[in-house]
Amino acid sequence: MTSHGPIRLTITLPNIPEIELVAVEGLNRLGARLGVTDEKLGEARILVTEAIINALEHAGDTSRGVRVEFRVDRETLVILVAITAKASIRPRRRSRHPSKLGTRTNADGD
């Protein structure tokens, strides 16, 4: 624990099979670094795994993922799991005139 407040670890995970294992590994490393007992880490692993799996099942669209945040201080471990917003990736428009990419023309098309 730091004197500056809780330690935070935030991980954004895509919706792919067994991705919850990445968050569990982060939790294991954070817990080991802070001296959290294996019993408490075991309970937290189960909670994190179930929360991520449930969130991904409810996200529906595979382009959505989850954000997992761990906050740890001397007394408390807070685990937040949230479905991420759908990515708004738009394909770039292709120019009919590749040599004119990035150039401007006036109203007459010159």
C-alpha atoms as a PDB file:
ATOM      1  CA  MET A   1       0.000   0.000   0.000  1.00  0.00           C
ATOM      2  CA  THR A   2       1.165   3.464  -0.696  1.00  0.00           C
ATOM      3  CA  SER A   3       0.814   6.535   1.471  1.00  0.00           C
ATOM      4  CA  HIS A   4      -0.888   8.216  -1.492  1.00  0.00           C
ATOM      5  CA  GLY A   5      -4.063   6.130  -1.330  1.00  0.00           C
ATOM      6  CA  PRO A   6      -5.288   2.908  -2.862  1.00  0.00           C
ATOM      7  CA  ILE A   7      -3.414   1.122  -5.618  1.00  0.00           C
ATOM      8  CA  ARG A   8      -5.450   0.809  -8.815  1.00  0.00           C
ATOM      9  CA  LEU A   9      -5.153  -1.649 -11.677  1.00  0.00           C
ATOM     10  CA  THR A  10      -7.448  -1.179 -14.667  1.00  0.00           C
ATOM     11  CA  ILE A  11      -7.644  -3.668 -17.531  1.00  0.00           C
ATOM     12  CA  THR A  12      -9.854  -3.428 -20.623  1.00  0.00           C
ATOM     13  CA  LEU A  13     -10.564  -6.858 -22.067  1.00  0.00           C
ATOM     14  CA  PRO A  14     -12.000  -7.822 -25.456  1.00  0.00           C
ATOM     15  CA  ASN A  15     -14.805 -10.350 -25.769  1.00  0.00           C
ATOM     16  CA  ILE A  16     -12.804 -13.486 -26.565  1.00  0.00           C
ATOM     17  CA  PRO A  17     -12.835 -16.937 -24.938  1.00  0.00           C
ATOM     18  CA  GLU A  18     -11.054 -17.286 -21.584  1.00  0.00           C
ATOM     19  CA  ILE A  19     -10.040 -13.602 -21.445  1.00  0.00           C
ATOM     20  CA  GLU A  20     -11.026 -13.541 -17.766  1.00  0.00           C
ATOM     21  CA  LEU A  21      -7.741 -15.347 -17.084  1.00  0.00           C
ATOM     22  CA  VAL A  22      -5.866 -12.126 -17.901  1.00  0.00           C
ATOM     23  CA  ALA A  23      -7.708 -10.267 -15.134  1.00  0.00           C
ATOM     24  CA  VAL A  24      -7.199 -13.149 -12.706  1.00  0.00           C
ATOM     25  CA  GLU A  25      -3.457 -13.068 -13.409  1.00  0.00           C
ATOM     26  CA  GLY A  26      -3.413  -9.325 -12.729  1.00  0.00           C
ATOM     27  CA  LEU A  27      -5.260  -9.924  -9.476  1.00  0.00           C
ATOM     28  CA  ASN A  28      -2.815 -12.697  -8.487  1.00  0.00           C
ATOM     29  CA  ARG A  29       0.208 -10.486  -9.086  1.00  0.00           C
ATOM     30  CA  LEU A  30      -1.299  -7.493  -7.312  1.00  0.00           C
ATOM     31  CA  GLY A  31      -2.347  -9.638  -4.349  1.00  0.00           C
ATOM     32  CA  ALA A  32       1.037 -11.323  -4.079  1.00  0.00           C
ATOM     33  CA  ARG A  33       2.806  -7.957  -4.176  1.00  0.00           C
ATOM     34  CA  LEU A  34       0.612  -6.662  -1.361  1.00  0.00           C
ATOM     35  CA  GLY A  35       0.715  -9.807   0.783  1.00  0.00           C
ATOM     36  CA  VAL A  36      -2.955 -10.755   0.418  1.00  0.00           C
ATOM     37  CA  THR A  37      -3.606 -14.263   1.746  1.00  0.00           C
ATOM     38  CA  ASP A  38      -4.198 -17.045  -0.742  1.00  0.00           C
ATOM     39  CA  GLU A  39      -7.599 -17.691   0.867  1.00  0.00           C
ATOM     40  CA  LYS A  40      -8.751 -14.126   0.156  1.00  0.00           C
ATOM     41  CA  LEU A  41      -7.233 -14.200  -3.334  1.00  0.00           C
ATOM     42  CA  GLY A  42      -9.090 -17.455  -4.026  1.00  0.00           C
ATOM     43  CA  GLU A  43     -12.405 -15.836  -3.146  1.00  0.00           C
ATOM     44  CA  ALA A  44     -11.577 -12.795  -5.274  1.00  0.00           C
ATOM     45  CA  ARG A  45     -10.568 -14.996  -8.240  1.00  0.00           C
ATOM     46  CA  ILE A  46     -13.971 -16.679  -8.217  1.00  0.00           C
ATOM     47  CA  LEU A  47     -15.793 -13.339  -8.003  1.00  0.00           C
ATOM     48  CA  VAL A  48     -13.738 -11.777 -10.798  1.00  0.00           C
ATOM     49  CA  THR A  49     -14.101 -14.781 -13.079  1.00  0.00           C
ATOM     50  CA  GLU A  50     -17.873 -14.979 -12.639  1.00  0.00           C
ATOM     51  CA  ALA A  51     -18.370 -11.219 -12.995  1.00  0.00           C
ATOM     52  CA  ILE A  52     -16.389 -11.064 -16.237  1.00  0.00           C
ATOM     53  CA  ILE A  53     -18.087 -14.100 -17.757  1.00  0.00           C
ATOM     54  CA  ASN A  54     -21.528 -12.722 -16.848  1.00  0.00           C
ATOM     55  CA  ALA A  55     -20.706  -9.267 -18.213  1.00  0.00           C
ATOM     56  CA  LEU A  56     -19.467 -10.695 -21.503  1.00  0.00           C
ATOM     57  CA  GLU A  57     -22.559 -12.896 -21.836  1.00  0.00           C
ATOM     58  CA  HIS A  58     -24.813  -9.888 -21.279  1.00  0.00           C
ATOM     59  CA  ALA A  59     -22.749  -7.668 -23.598  1.00  0.00           C
ATOM     60  CA  GLY A  60     -24.130  -9.696 -26.494  1.00  0.00           C
ATOM     61  CA  ASP A  61     -22.240  -8.098 -29.353  1.00  0.00           C
ATOM     62  CA  THR A  62     -18.700  -9.496 -29.568  1.00  0.00           C
ATOM     63  CA  SER A  63     -17.327  -6.040 -30.390  1.00  0.00           C
ATOM     64  CA  ARG A  64     -18.026  -5.083 -26.773  1.00  0.00           C
ATOM     65  CA  GLY A  65     -15.725  -6.069 -23.957  1.00  0.00           C
ATOM     66  CA  VAL A  66     -15.312  -5.372 -20.265  1.00  0.00           C
ATOM     67  CA  ARG A  67     -13.298  -3.007 -18.127  1.00  0.00           C
ATOM     68  CA  VAL A  68     -12.039  -4.459 -14.862  1.00  0.00           C
ATOM     69  CA  GLU A  69     -10.682  -2.249 -12.106  1.00  0.00           C
ATOM     70  CA  PHE A  70      -9.066  -3.356  -8.875  1.00  0.00           C
ATOM     71  CA  ARG A  71      -8.608  -0.848  -6.020  1.00  0.00           C
ATOM     72  CA  VAL A  72      -6.614  -2.024  -3.048  1.00  0.00           C
ATOM     73  CA  ASP A  73      -5.704  -0.331   0.214  1.00  0.00           C
ATOM     74  CA  ARG A  74      -4.773  -1.659   3.660  1.00  0.00           C
ATOM     75  CA  GLU A  75      -8.292  -2.799   4.477  1.00  0.00           C
ATOM     76  CA  THR A  76     -10.200  -3.201   1.241  1.00  0.00           C
ATOM     77  CA  LEU A  77     -10.196  -4.769  -2.196  1.00  0.00           C
ATOM     78  CA  VAL A  78     -12.760  -3.198  -4.537  1.00  0.00           C
ATOM     79  CA  ILE A  79     -13.471  -4.946  -7.829  1.00  0.00           C
ATOM     80  CA  LEU A  80     -15.409  -3.140 -10.551  1.00  0.00           C
ATOM     81  CA  VAL A  81     -16.490  -4.883 -13.764  1.00  0.00           C
ATOM     82  CA  ALA A  82     -18.294  -2.906 -16.470  1.00  0.00           C
ATOM     83  CA  ILE A  83     -19.318  -3.617 -20.038  1.00  0.00           C
ATOM     84  CA  THR A  84     -17.472  -1.307 -22.405  1.00  0.00           C
ATOM     85  CA  ALA A  85     -19.281   0.731 -25.018  1.00  0.00           C
ATOM     86  CA  LYS A  86     -19.398  -0.637 -28.513  1.00  0.00           C
ATOM     87  CA  ALA A  87     -16.400   0.557 -30.464  1.00  0.00           C
ATOM     88  CA  SER A  88     -17.290   3.139 -33.055  1.00  0.00           C
ATOM     89  CA  ILE A  89     -14.840   2.169 -35.724  1.00  0.00           C
ATOM     90  CA  ARG A  90     -15.775   3.668 -39.055  1.00  0.00           C
ATOM     91  CA  PRO A  91     -14.035   2.720 -42.256  1.00  0.00           C
ATOM     92  CA  ARG A  92     -12.152   5.540 -43.883  1.00  0.00           C
ATOM     93  CA  ARG A  93     -13.665   6.843 -47.093  1.00  0.00           C
ATOM     94  CA  ARG A  94     -11.630   5.949 -50.094  1.00  0.00           C
ATOM     95  CA  SER A  95     -11.005   8.674 -52.582  1.00  0.00           C
ATOM     96  CA  ARG A  96     -11.889   8.049 -56.209  1.00  0.00           C
ATOM     97  CA  HIS A  97      -8.712   9.977 -56.985  1.00  0.00           C
ATOM     98  CA  PRO A  98      -5.912   8.509 -54.827  1.00  0.00           C
ATOM     99  CA  SER A  99      -3.442  11.113 -56.057  1.00  0.00           C
ATOM    100  CA  LYS A 100      -5.700  13.859 -54.644  1.00  0.00           C
ATOM    101  CA  LEU A 101      -5.909  12.471 -51.093  1.00  0.00           C
ATOM    102  CA  GLY A 102      -5.596  15.292 -48.621  1.00  0.00           C
ATOM    103  CA  THR A 103      -5.965  18.029 -51.222  1.00  0.00           C
ATOM    104  CA  ARG A 104      -8.774  20.559 -51.439  1.00  0.00           C
ATOM    105  CA  THR A 105     -10.710  21.570 -54.466  1.00  0.00           C
ATOM    106  CA  ASN A 106     -12.862  24.597 -55.052  1.00  0.00           C
ATOM    107  CA  ALA A 107     -16.592  24.477 -55.828  1.00  0.00           C
ATOM    108  CA  ASP A 108     -15.865  24.007 -59.559  1.00  0.00           C
ATOM    109  CA  GLY A 109     -13.887  20.841 -58.859  1.00  0.00           C
ATOM    110  CA  ASP A 110     -10.500  22.388 -59.817  1.00  0.00           C
END
